[in-house]
Amino acid sequence: MKNKKSKVVFKTYTPQQISLLPHSYDELIPQEHLVRMLNNVIDKMNIDPLVAEYKGGGKHLAIIQRCFLKLLFMPIARKFIHHAE
């Protein structure tokens, strides 16, 4: 019997999504905020090896890896910046 790999299905991730109020969440974040720098760095990362390791399966859709990395690294970056000051 062959080992069948589950199809990986990710939730939609649209950070520039337009909303009713505010028009865009981007409007709420100051231009020099740490989250913008972190967003740019992670968006430029090659995460193909990470995606390749994900096996899929489970009951729920997988959170997109870039979004997860941003959520994971934001508190780490804030703590690092706080200690550097």
PDB file of N, CA and C in Angstrom:
ATOM      1  N   MET A   1       0.839  -1.173   0.000  1.00  0.00           N
ATOM      2  CA  MET A   1       0.000   0.000   0.000  1.00  0.00           C
ATOM      3  C   MET A   1       0.891   1.245   0.000  1.00  0.00           C
ATOM      4  N   LYS A   2       0.587   2.157  -0.897  1.00  0.00           N
ATOM      5  CA  LYS A   2       1.382   3.377  -0.999  1.00  0.00           C
ATOM      6  C   LYS A   2       0.971   4.365   0.072  1.00  0.00           C
ATOM      7  N   ASN A   3       1.951   5.102   0.548  1.00  0.00           N
ATOM      8  CA  ASN A   3       1.703   6.145   1.535  1.00  0.00           C
ATOM      9  C   ASN A   3       1.199   7.384   0.796  1.00  0.00           C
ATOM     10  N   LYS A   4      -0.069   7.715   0.975  1.00  0.00           N
ATOM     11  CA  LYS A   4      -0.675   8.827   0.270  1.00  0.00           C
ATOM     12  C   LYS A   4      -0.511  10.117   1.067  1.00  0.00           C
ATOM     13  N   LYS A   5      -0.015  11.166   0.415  1.00  0.00           N
ATOM     14  CA  LYS A   5       0.173  12.459   1.063  1.00  0.00           C
ATOM     15  C   LYS A   5      -1.133  13.248   0.958  1.00  0.00           C
ATOM     16  N   SER A   6      -1.581  13.791   2.087  1.00  0.00           N
ATOM     17  CA  SER A   6      -2.796  14.596   2.099  1.00  0.00           C
ATOM     18  C   SER A   6      -2.573  15.897   1.339  1.00  0.00           C
ATOM     19  N   LYS A   7      -3.630  16.382   0.695  1.00  0.00           N
ATOM     20  CA  LYS A   7      -3.546  17.662   0.011  1.00  0.00           C
ATOM     21  C   LYS A   7      -3.548  18.775   1.059  1.00  0.00           C
ATOM     22  N   VAL A   8      -2.586  19.668   0.949  1.00  0.00           N
ATOM     23  CA  VAL A   8      -2.469  20.774   1.900  1.00  0.00           C
ATOM     24  C   VAL A   8      -3.389  21.903   1.442  1.00  0.00           C
ATOM     25  N   VAL A   9      -4.268  22.355   2.348  1.00  0.00           N
ATOM     26  CA  VAL A   9      -5.182  23.454   2.055  1.00  0.00           C
ATOM     27  C   VAL A   9      -4.955  24.541   3.093  1.00  0.00           C
ATOM     28  N   PHE A  10      -4.595  25.728   2.629  1.00  0.00           N
ATOM     29  CA  PHE A  10      -4.339  26.839   3.532  1.00  0.00           C
ATOM     30  C   PHE A  10      -5.511  27.810   3.541  1.00  0.00           C
ATOM     31  N   LYS A  11      -5.700  28.471   4.673  1.00  0.00           N
ATOM     32  CA  LYS A  11      -6.675  29.557   4.749  1.00  0.00           C
ATOM     33  C   LYS A  11      -6.182  30.709   3.893  1.00  0.00           C
ATOM     34  N   THR A  12      -7.098  31.493   3.388  1.00  0.00           N
ATOM     35  CA  THR A  12      -6.735  32.658   2.591  1.00  0.00           C
ATOM     36  C   THR A  12      -6.060  33.690   3.486  1.00  0.00           C
ATOM     37  N   TYR A  13      -4.976  34.269   2.990  1.00  0.00           N
ATOM     38  CA  TYR A  13      -4.231  35.296   3.724  1.00  0.00           C
ATOM     39  C   TYR A  13      -4.079  36.504   2.808  1.00  0.00           C
ATOM     40  N   THR A  14      -4.799  37.573   3.115  1.00  0.00           N
ATOM     41  CA  THR A  14      -4.773  38.777   2.304  1.00  0.00           C
ATOM     42  C   THR A  14      -4.520  39.979   3.211  1.00  0.00           C
ATOM     43  N   PRO A  15      -3.255  40.296   3.495  1.00  0.00           N
ATOM     44  CA  PRO A  15      -2.968  41.377   4.432  1.00  0.00           C
ATOM     45  C   PRO A  15      -3.414  42.757   3.934  1.00  0.00           C
ATOM     46  N   GLN A  16      -3.556  42.955   2.629  1.00  0.00           N
ATOM     47  CA  GLN A  16      -3.989  44.254   2.103  1.00  0.00           C
ATOM     48  C   GLN A  16      -5.506  44.297   1.901  1.00  0.00           C
ATOM     49  N   GLN A  17      -6.219  43.387   2.539  1.00  0.00           N
ATOM     50  CA  GLN A  17      -7.666  43.303   2.387  1.00  0.00           C
ATOM     51  C   GLN A  17      -8.345  44.607   2.804  1.00  0.00           C
ATOM     52  N   ILE A  18      -9.292  45.040   2.007  1.00  0.00           N
ATOM     53  CA  ILE A  18     -10.039  46.260   2.301  1.00  0.00           C
ATOM     54  C   ILE A  18     -11.195  45.897   3.222  1.00  0.00           C
ATOM     55  N   SER A  19     -11.437  46.738   4.209  1.00  0.00           N
ATOM     56  CA  SER A  19     -12.547  46.519   5.135  1.00  0.00           C
ATOM     57  C   SER A  19     -13.417  47.770   5.174  1.00  0.00           C
ATOM     58  N   LEU A  20     -14.531  47.680   5.854  1.00  0.00           N
ATOM     59  CA  LEU A  20     -15.450  48.805   5.920  1.00  0.00           C
ATOM     60  C   LEU A  20     -14.854  49.975   6.703  1.00  0.00           C
ATOM     61  N   LEU A  21     -14.486  49.742   7.946  1.00  0.00           N
ATOM     62  CA  LEU A  21     -13.888  50.779   8.795  1.00  0.00           C
ATOM     63  C   LEU A  21     -12.734  50.189   9.575  1.00  0.00           C
ATOM     64  N   PRO A  22     -11.562  50.606   9.487  1.00  0.00           N
ATOM     65  CA  PRO A  22     -11.032  51.575   8.543  1.00  0.00           C
ATOM     66  C   PRO A  22     -11.005  50.979   7.134  1.00  0.00           C
ATOM     67  N   HIS A  23     -10.783  51.821   6.158  1.00  0.00           N
ATOM     68  CA  HIS A  23     -10.768  51.370   4.769  1.00  0.00           C
ATOM     69  C   HIS A  23      -9.734  50.258   4.569  1.00  0.00           C
ATOM     70  N   SER A  24      -8.621  50.371   5.247  1.00  0.00           N
ATOM     71  CA  SER A  24      -7.558  49.367   5.187  1.00  0.00           C
ATOM     72  C   SER A  24      -6.889  49.307   6.555  1.00  0.00           C
ATOM     73  N   TYR A  25      -6.545  48.120   7.007  1.00  0.00           N
ATOM     74  CA  TYR A  25      -5.846  47.990   8.291  1.00  0.00           C
ATOM     75  C   TYR A  25      -4.473  48.637   8.226  1.00  0.00           C
ATOM     76  N   ASP A  26      -3.952  48.777   7.032  1.00  0.00           N
ATOM     77  CA  ASP A  26      -2.662  49.427   6.825  1.00  0.00           C
ATOM     78  C   ASP A  26      -2.676  50.857   7.349  1.00  0.00           C
ATOM     79  N   GLU A  27      -3.833  51.492   7.330  1.00  0.00           N
ATOM     80  CA  GLU A  27      -3.964  52.875   7.810  1.00  0.00           C
ATOM     81  C   GLU A  27      -3.748  52.992   9.319  1.00  0.00           C
ATOM     82  N   LEU A  28      -3.910  51.909  10.047  1.00  0.00           N
ATOM     83  CA  LEU A  28      -3.781  51.938  11.502  1.00  0.00           C
ATOM     84  C   LEU A  28      -2.345  51.793  11.991  1.00  0.00           C
ATOM     85  N   ILE A  29      -1.455  51.393  11.106  1.00  0.00           N
ATOM     86  CA  ILE A  29      -0.078  51.102  11.506  1.00  0.00           C
ATOM     87  C   ILE A  29       0.839  52.236  11.063  1.00  0.00           C
ATOM     88  N   PRO A  30       1.535  52.883  11.998  1.00  0.00           N
ATOM     89  CA  PRO A  30       2.464  53.957  11.630  1.00  0.00           C
ATOM     90  C   PRO A  30       3.538  53.450  10.663  1.00  0.00           C
ATOM     91  N   GLN A  31       4.023  54.331   9.804  1.00  0.00           N
ATOM     92  CA  GLN A  31       4.998  53.954   8.770  1.00  0.00           C
ATOM     93  C   GLN A  31       6.289  53.361   9.343  1.00  0.00           C
ATOM     94  N   GLU A  32       6.728  53.814  10.501  1.00  0.00           N
ATOM     95  CA  GLU A  32       7.990  53.349  11.076  1.00  0.00           C
ATOM     96  C   GLU A  32       7.808  52.248  12.124  1.00  0.00           C
ATOM     97  N   HIS A  33       6.657  51.632  12.178  1.00  0.00           N
ATOM     98  CA  HIS A  33       6.375  50.611  13.191  1.00  0.00           C
ATOM     99  C   HIS A  33       7.162  49.327  12.908  1.00  0.00           C
ATOM    100  N   LEU A  34       7.564  48.669  13.966  1.00  0.00           N
ATOM    101  CA  LEU A  34       8.316  47.412  13.873  1.00  0.00           C
ATOM    102  C   LEU A  34       7.578  46.353  13.052  1.00  0.00           C
ATOM    103  N   VAL A  35       6.279  46.324  13.146  1.00  0.00           N
ATOM    104  CA  VAL A  35       5.513  45.301  12.434  1.00  0.00           C
ATOM    105  C   VAL A  35       5.688  45.427  10.914  1.00  0.00           C
ATOM    106  N   ARG A  36       5.886  46.630  10.420  1.00  0.00           N
ATOM    107  CA  ARG A  36       6.112  46.818   8.977  1.00  0.00           C
ATOM    108  C   ARG A  36       7.458  46.216   8.547  1.00  0.00           C
ATOM    109  N   MET A  37       8.494  46.446   9.360  1.00  0.00           N
ATOM    110  CA  MET A  37       9.803  45.885   9.052  1.00  0.00           C
ATOM    111  C   MET A  37       9.746  44.361   9.084  1.00  0.00           C
ATOM    112  N   LEU A  38       9.120  43.821  10.108  1.00  0.00           N
ATOM    113  CA  LEU A  38       9.000  42.372  10.230  1.00  0.00           C
ATOM    114  C   LEU A  38       8.199  41.797   9.062  1.00  0.00           C
ATOM    115  N   ASN A  39       7.134  42.470   8.679  1.00  0.00           N
ATOM    116  CA  ASN A  39       6.312  42.049   7.548  1.00  0.00           C
ATOM    117  C   ASN A  39       7.144  41.984   6.268  1.00  0.00           C
ATOM    118  N   ASN A  40       7.946  43.014   6.017  1.00  0.00           N
ATOM    119  CA  ASN A  40       8.780  43.054   4.811  1.00  0.00           C
ATOM    120  C   ASN A  40       9.826  41.943   4.809  1.00  0.00           C
ATOM    121  N   VAL A  41      10.455  41.714   5.949  1.00  0.00           N
ATOM    122  CA  VAL A  41      11.494  40.673   6.041  1.00  0.00           C
ATOM    123  C   VAL A  41      10.893  39.288   5.781  1.00  0.00           C
ATOM    124  N   ILE A  42       9.793  38.983   6.429  1.00  0.00           N
ATOM    125  CA  ILE A  42       9.193  37.650   6.282  1.00  0.00           C
ATOM    126  C   ILE A  42       8.607  37.465   4.881  1.00  0.00           C
ATOM    127  N   ASP A  43       8.070  38.533   4.289  1.00  0.00           N
ATOM    128  CA  ASP A  43       7.553  38.418   2.922  1.00  0.00           C
ATOM    129  C   ASP A  43       8.653  38.098   1.915  1.00  0.00           C
ATOM    130  N   LYS A  44       9.893  38.489   2.220  1.00  0.00           N
ATOM    131  CA  LYS A  44      11.017  38.236   1.307  1.00  0.00           C
ATOM    132  C   LYS A  44      11.699  36.892   1.563  1.00  0.00           C
ATOM    133  N   MET A  45      11.346  36.227   2.665  1.00  0.00           N
ATOM    134  CA  MET A  45      11.962  34.948   3.003  1.00  0.00           C
ATOM    135  C   MET A  45      11.491  33.837   2.068  1.00  0.00           C
ATOM    136  N   ASN A  46      12.388  32.916   1.777  1.00  0.00           N
ATOM    137  CA  ASN A  46      12.013  31.718   1.036  1.00  0.00           C
ATOM    138  C   ASN A  46      11.544  30.677   2.060  1.00  0.00           C
ATOM    139  N   ILE A  47      10.240  30.447   2.113  1.00  0.00           N
ATOM    140  CA  ILE A  47       9.705  29.491   3.090  1.00  0.00           C
ATOM    141  C   ILE A  47       9.303  28.179   2.424  1.00  0.00           C
ATOM    142  N   ASP A  48       9.760  27.951   1.192  1.00  0.00           N
ATOM    143  CA  ASP A  48       9.430  26.705   0.494  1.00  0.00           C
ATOM    144  C   ASP A  48       9.826  25.458   1.284  1.00  0.00           C
ATOM    145  N   PRO A  49      11.016  25.433   1.924  1.00  0.00           N
ATOM    146  CA  PRO A  49      11.358  24.242   2.716  1.00  0.00           C
ATOM    147  C   PRO A  49      10.377  24.006   3.870  1.00  0.00           C
ATOM    148  N   LEU A  50       9.896  25.073   4.478  1.00  0.00           N
ATOM    149  CA  LEU A  50       8.931  24.955   5.558  1.00  0.00           C
ATOM    150  C   LEU A  50       7.602  24.393   5.036  1.00  0.00           C
ATOM    151  N   VAL A  51       7.131  24.923   3.917  1.00  0.00           N
ATOM    152  CA  VAL A  51       5.881  24.451   3.315  1.00  0.00           C
ATOM    153  C   VAL A  51       6.014  22.990   2.894  1.00  0.00           C
ATOM    154  N   ALA A  52       7.174  22.618   2.379  1.00  0.00           N
ATOM    155  CA  ALA A  52       7.389  21.238   1.938  1.00  0.00           C
ATOM    156  C   ALA A  52       7.318  20.247   3.095  1.00  0.00           C
ATOM    157  N   GLU A  53       7.690  20.683   4.298  1.00  0.00           N
ATOM    158  CA  GLU A  53       7.654  19.808   5.467  1.00  0.00           C
ATOM    159  C   GLU A  53       6.247  19.592   6.010  1.00  0.00           C
ATOM    160  N   TYR A  54       5.317  20.495   5.675  1.00  0.00           N
ATOM    161  CA  TYR A  54       3.956  20.374   6.196  1.00  0.00           C
ATOM    162  C   TYR A  54       3.263  19.196   5.542  1.00  0.00           C
ATOM    163  N   LYS A  55       2.720  18.300   6.347  1.00  0.00           N
ATOM    164  CA  LYS A  55       2.129  17.068   5.844  1.00  0.00           C
ATOM    165  C   LYS A  55       0.641  17.192   5.537  1.00  0.00           C
ATOM    166  N   GLY A  56      -0.008  18.214   6.074  1.00  0.00           N
ATOM    167  CA  GLY A  56      -1.440  18.368   5.818  1.00  0.00           C
ATOM    168  C   GLY A  56      -2.250  17.471   6.725  1.00  0.00           C
ATOM    169  N   GLY A  57      -3.514  17.360   6.411  1.00  0.00           N
ATOM    170  CA  GLY A  57      -4.401  16.535   7.218  1.00  0.00           C
ATOM    171  C   GLY A  57      -5.014  17.331   8.348  1.00  0.00           C
ATOM    172  N   GLY A  58      -5.690  16.660   9.224  1.00  0.00           N
ATOM    173  CA  GLY A  58      -6.350  17.336  10.334  1.00  0.00           C
ATOM    174  C   GLY A  58      -7.737  17.792   9.953  1.00  0.00           C
ATOM    175  N   LYS A  59      -8.448  18.338  10.922  1.00  0.00           N
ATOM    176  CA  LYS A  59      -9.831  18.741  10.703  1.00  0.00           C
ATOM    177  C   LYS A  59      -9.965  20.156  10.152  1.00  0.00           C
ATOM    178  N   HIS A  60      -8.958  20.995  10.359  1.00  0.00           N
ATOM    179  CA  HIS A  60      -9.074  22.406  10.042  1.00  0.00           C
ATOM    180  C   HIS A  60      -8.112  22.797   8.933  1.00  0.00           C
ATOM    181  N   LEU A  61      -8.425  23.892   8.276  1.00  0.00           N
ATOM    182  CA  LEU A  61      -7.506  24.441   7.287  1.00  0.00           C
ATOM    183  C   LEU A  61      -6.240  24.919   7.993  1.00  0.00           C
ATOM    184  N   ALA A  62      -5.139  24.795   7.336  1.00  0.00           N
ATOM    185  CA  ALA A  62      -3.866  25.231   7.917  1.00  0.00           C
ATOM    186  C   ALA A  62      -3.739  26.745   7.797  1.00  0.00           C
ATOM    187  N   ILE A  63      -3.190  27.367   8.825  1.00  0.00           N
ATOM    188  CA  ILE A  63      -2.907  28.802   8.734  1.00  0.00           C
ATOM    189  C   ILE A  63      -1.711  28.967   7.802  1.00  0.00           C
ATOM    190  N   ILE A  64      -1.766  29.959   6.975  1.00  0.00           N
ATOM    191  CA  ILE A  64      -0.691  30.163   6.007  1.00  0.00           C
ATOM    192  C   ILE A  64       0.613  30.419   6.775  1.00  0.00           C
ATOM    193  N   GLN A  65       1.696  29.825   6.320  1.00  0.00           N
ATOM    194  CA  GLN A  65       2.946  29.887   7.075  1.00  0.00           C
ATOM    195  C   GLN A  65       3.491  31.295   7.251  1.00  0.00           C
ATOM    196  N   ARG A  66       3.379  32.153   6.257  1.00  0.00           N
ATOM    197  CA  ARG A  66       3.898  33.519   6.405  1.00  0.00           C
ATOM    198  C   ARG A  66       3.177  34.251   7.530  1.00  0.00           C
ATOM    199  N   CYS A  67       1.882  34.106   7.593  1.00  0.00           N
ATOM    200  CA  CYS A  67       1.109  34.751   8.659  1.00  0.00           C
ATOM    201  C   CYS A  67       1.533  34.202  10.017  1.00  0.00           C
ATOM    202  N   PHE A  68       1.700  32.892  10.107  1.00  0.00           N
ATOM    203  CA  PHE A  68       2.124  32.275  11.361  1.00  0.00           C
ATOM    204  C   PHE A  68       3.498  32.779  11.783  1.00  0.00           C
ATOM    205  N   LEU A  69       4.422  32.873  10.834  1.00  0.00           N
ATOM    206  CA  LEU A  69       5.764  33.363  11.161  1.00  0.00           C
ATOM    207  C   LEU A  69       5.715  34.795  11.693  1.00  0.00           C
ATOM    208  N   LYS A  70       4.858  35.618  11.103  1.00  0.00           N
ATOM    209  CA  LYS A  70       4.727  37.002  11.569  1.00  0.00           C
ATOM    210  C   LYS A  70       4.174  37.032  12.990  1.00  0.00           C
ATOM    211  N   LEU A  71       3.184  36.196  13.248  1.00  0.00           N
ATOM    212  CA  LEU A  71       2.614  36.120  14.594  1.00  0.00           C
ATOM    213  C   LEU A  71       3.624  35.571  15.598  1.00  0.00           C
ATOM    214  N   LEU A  72       4.436  34.643  15.168  1.00  0.00           N
ATOM    215  CA  LEU A  72       5.437  34.034  16.034  1.00  0.00           C
ATOM    216  C   LEU A  72       6.575  35.005  16.361  1.00  0.00           C
ATOM    217  N   PHE A  73       7.060  35.718  15.357  1.00  0.00           N
ATOM    218  CA  PHE A  73       8.244  36.550  15.543  1.00  0.00           C
ATOM    219  C   PHE A  73       7.962  37.945  16.094  1.00  0.00           C
ATOM    220  N   MET A  74       6.741  38.430  16.030  1.00  0.00           N
ATOM    221  CA  MET A  74       6.464  39.785  16.521  1.00  0.00           C
ATOM    222  C   MET A  74       6.799  39.953  18.007  1.00  0.00           C
ATOM    223  N   PRO A  75       6.325  39.072  18.897  1.00  0.00           N
ATOM    224  CA  PRO A  75       6.697  39.260  20.314  1.00  0.00           C
ATOM    225  C   PRO A  75       8.196  39.100  20.555  1.00  0.00           C
ATOM    226  N   ILE A  76       8.846  38.246  19.787  1.00  0.00           N
ATOM    227  CA  ILE A  76      10.294  38.056  19.924  1.00  0.00           C
ATOM    228  C   ILE A  76      11.014  39.338  19.508  1.00  0.00           C
ATOM    229  N   ALA A  77      10.598  39.921  18.391  1.00  0.00           N
ATOM    230  CA  ALA A  77      11.215  41.158  17.910  1.00  0.00           C
ATOM    231  C   ALA A  77      10.979  42.300  18.893  1.00  0.00           C
ATOM    232  N   ARG A  78       9.773  42.387  19.445  1.00  0.00           N
ATOM    233  CA  ARG A  78       9.475  43.453  20.414  1.00  0.00           C
ATOM    234  C   ARG A  78      10.340  43.321  21.659  1.00  0.00           C
ATOM    235  N   LYS A  79      10.519  42.088  22.122  1.00  0.00           N
ATOM    236  CA  LYS A  79      11.349  41.867  23.311  1.00  0.00           C
ATOM    237  C   LYS A  79      12.805  42.214  23.018  1.00  0.00           C
ATOM    238  N   PHE A  80      13.271  41.839  21.840  1.00  0.00           N
ATOM    239  CA  PHE A  80      14.649  42.139  21.445  1.00  0.00           C
ATOM    240  C   PHE A  80      14.869  43.646  21.385  1.00  0.00           C
ATOM    241  N   ILE A  81      13.940  44.383  20.777  1.00  0.00           N
ATOM    242  CA  ILE A  81      14.043  45.839  20.664  1.00  0.00           C
ATOM    243  C   ILE A  81      13.993  46.474  22.064  1.00  0.00           C
ATOM    244  N   HIS A  82      13.117  45.956  22.922  1.00  0.00           N
ATOM    245  CA  HIS A  82      12.984  46.493  24.277  1.00  0.00           C
ATOM    246  C   HIS A  82      14.292  46.344  25.064  1.00  0.00           C
ATOM    247  N   HIS A  83      14.939  45.176  24.931  1.00  0.00           N
ATOM    248  CA  HIS A  83      16.193  44.947  25.654  1.00  0.00           C
ATOM    249  C   HIS A  83      17.352  45.744  25.066  1.00  0.00           C
ATOM    250  N   ALA A  84      17.264  46.084  23.782  1.00  0.00           N
ATOM    251  CA  ALA A  84      18.325  46.842  23.129  1.00  0.00           C
ATOM    252  C   ALA A  84      18.305  48.318  23.514  1.00  0.00           C
ATOM    253  N   GLU A  85      17.169  48.784  24.008  1.00  0.00           N
ATOM    254  CA  GLU A  85      17.047  50.224  24.342  1.00  0.00           C
ATOM    255  C   GLU A  85      17.708  50.562  25.656  1.00  0.00           C
TER     256      GLU A  85
END
